[in-house]
Structures are given as structure tokens and as C-alpha cells.
Amino acid sequence: MQAELTEMNEFLEIEEEVLRMLKTVFDPEIPVNVYDLGLIYGVDIDGPKCHITMTLTAPSCPAGDFIVEDIRQKVLSVDGIDDVQVDIVYEPEWTKDMMSEEAKLELGFL
């Protein structure tokens, strides 16, 4: 039982650190991080592997490659993660409604 609790605590710490790192990644054209923009659709951690499903504000986003590489590098810096896969999807389509309240406020939508 104690080993399971320790393992769960370690998982939660890694997950929390991954989310914290995602909040340090910005689209160079928008002063809000990708997490609060609502671009991150899923984070799946399986041992040392992290799979992130995300979208972009537009399919033709010129910063897409930069954002994906920034995510990869920052999530790889998390202790316990040694492999990061980032998949970009366009379903569901991103809308401004997916932004956090803080992001909407920062961008003047509230």
C-alpha cells in the first residue's frame, strides 16, 4: 500500500511539473502560454514517456514547429521524463472559448 502511494505521489509530481513547463511555452505572436490558450488537449504520462495532444490557433500557424520543439525541450527537462511525443490535431477546432479566464482577460476578451 505504501509503495502504491509513493508511486502515485511521484506520478502526480511529474504531471504537475509537466503542466508547469507547458505554461512556460508561448506562441511568439500571442502573449499567453499554450496551456491557458487552450491549445493543449491532452497530456498522457506513461512511465518516462509523455504524449501531448495539442492544436494550434490556425492550421497555417507559422510558429507551429517552434512551439512543438519548445514543448518537447521543456517537458524533456522534467525529472522522470525521457521521451516526449507531441501530436498536433485539428479536431476539435480551437476556438476562443477554450482559453482560460486569465487568457481572455490578458487578450482583452473580457
Protein backbone atom coordinates (compact mmCIF):
# COMPACT_ATOMS: atom_id res chain seq x y z
CA MET A 1 0.00 0.00 0.00
CA GLN A 2 2.79 2.44 0.93
CA ALA A 3 4.65 1.69 -2.32
CA GLU A 4 1.48 2.46 -4.31
CA LEU A 5 1.07 5.80 -2.52
CA THR A 6 4.70 6.69 -3.15
CA GLU A 7 4.34 5.79 -6.83
CA MET A 8 1.14 7.84 -7.12
CA ASN A 9 2.79 10.84 -5.44
CA GLU A 10 5.75 10.63 -7.83
CA PHE A 11 3.36 10.44 -10.81
CA LEU A 12 1.41 13.48 -9.59
CA GLU A 13 4.63 15.44 -9.04
CA ILE A 14 5.80 14.64 -12.58
CA GLU A 15 2.39 15.53 -14.04
CA GLU A 16 2.33 18.81 -12.11
CA GLU A 17 5.83 19.68 -13.34
CA VAL A 18 4.89 18.84 -16.96
CA LEU A 19 1.88 21.18 -16.71
CA ARG A 20 4.06 23.86 -15.14
CA MET A 21 6.51 23.56 -18.04
CA LEU A 22 3.67 23.78 -20.59
CA LYS A 23 2.73 27.09 -19.00
CA THR A 24 6.18 28.44 -19.96
CA VAL A 25 5.62 27.84 -23.69
CA PHE A 26 4.29 30.78 -25.68
CA ASP A 27 3.20 31.35 -29.24
CA PRO A 28 5.64 34.13 -30.26
CA GLU A 29 2.71 36.16 -31.62
CA ILE A 30 0.44 35.85 -28.56
CA PRO A 31 1.45 36.91 -25.01
CA VAL A 32 -0.34 33.93 -23.38
CA ASN A 33 1.03 30.43 -22.77
CA VAL A 34 -0.21 27.47 -24.82
CA TYR A 35 -1.87 25.85 -21.80
CA ASP A 36 -4.01 28.87 -20.90
CA LEU A 37 -4.77 29.43 -24.59
CA GLY A 38 -6.47 26.02 -24.53
CA LEU A 39 -4.17 24.55 -27.15
CA ILE A 40 -3.30 21.51 -25.01
CA TYR A 41 -5.97 18.85 -25.46
CA GLY A 42 -4.31 16.05 -23.53
CA VAL A 43 -1.25 15.00 -21.55
CA ASP A 44 -0.69 11.29 -21.08
CA ILE A 45 2.24 10.17 -18.94
CA ASP A 46 3.21 6.50 -19.04
CA GLY A 47 6.36 5.94 -17.03
CA PRO A 48 9.15 8.01 -18.58
CA LYS A 49 7.09 8.73 -21.72
CA CYS A 50 4.89 11.77 -22.19
CA HIS A 51 2.39 12.08 -25.02
CA ILE A 52 0.88 15.51 -25.61
CA THR A 53 -2.06 16.13 -27.91
CA MET A 54 -2.49 19.74 -28.91
CA THR A 55 -3.75 22.05 -31.59
CA LEU A 56 -2.75 25.42 -32.99
CA THR A 57 -4.81 28.58 -33.23
CA ALA A 58 -4.83 28.11 -37.01
CA PRO A 59 -3.71 25.22 -39.26
CA SER A 60 -1.29 27.54 -41.05
CA CYS A 61 0.30 28.88 -37.83
CA PRO A 62 3.86 29.83 -38.84
CA ALA A 63 5.12 29.24 -35.28
CA GLY A 64 3.83 25.64 -35.10
CA ASP A 65 7.22 23.94 -35.42
CA PHE A 66 8.80 26.36 -32.93
CA ILE A 67 6.02 25.73 -30.38
CA VAL A 68 6.25 21.93 -30.73
CA GLU A 69 10.03 21.95 -30.29
CA ASP A 70 9.79 24.32 -27.32
CA ILE A 71 7.26 21.95 -25.69
CA ARG A 72 9.48 18.94 -26.37
CA GLN A 73 12.59 20.55 -24.89
CA LYS A 74 10.86 21.92 -21.80
CA VAL A 75 8.96 18.71 -20.99
CA LEU A 76 12.16 16.68 -21.52
CA SER A 77 13.73 18.79 -18.77
CA VAL A 78 11.29 17.30 -16.23
CA ASP A 79 12.90 14.67 -14.00
CA GLY A 80 11.37 11.30 -14.81
CA ILE A 81 10.52 12.14 -18.45
CA ASP A 82 12.89 10.90 -21.16
CA ASP A 83 10.62 10.74 -24.21
CA VAL A 84 8.12 13.32 -25.43
CA GLN A 85 5.77 12.91 -28.36
CA VAL A 86 3.70 15.90 -29.46
CA ASP A 87 0.81 15.32 -31.85
CA ILE A 88 -0.97 18.24 -33.47
CA VAL A 89 -4.64 17.68 -34.21
CA TYR A 90 -7.30 19.97 -35.64
CA GLU A 91 -10.37 18.26 -34.23
CA PRO A 92 -11.99 19.71 -32.29
CA GLU A 93 -11.20 23.01 -33.91
CA TRP A 94 -9.74 25.55 -31.49
CA THR A 95 -11.95 28.48 -30.51
CA LYS A 96 -11.51 31.43 -28.16
CA ASP A 97 -13.93 29.70 -25.76
CA MET A 98 -11.14 27.20 -24.96
CA MET A 99 -9.00 29.91 -23.34
CA SER A 100 -8.76 30.25 -19.57
CA GLU A 101 -10.36 33.27 -17.94
CA GLU A 102 -6.86 34.68 -17.36
CA ALA A 103 -6.01 34.36 -21.06
CA LYS A 104 -9.25 36.03 -22.10
CA LEU A 105 -8.57 38.88 -19.69
CA GLU A 106 -4.94 39.24 -20.89
CA LEU A 107 -6.06 39.40 -24.52
CA GLY A 108 -8.96 41.77 -23.82
CA PHE A 109 -11.81 39.33 -24.45
CA LEU A 110 -13.41 40.03 -21.05
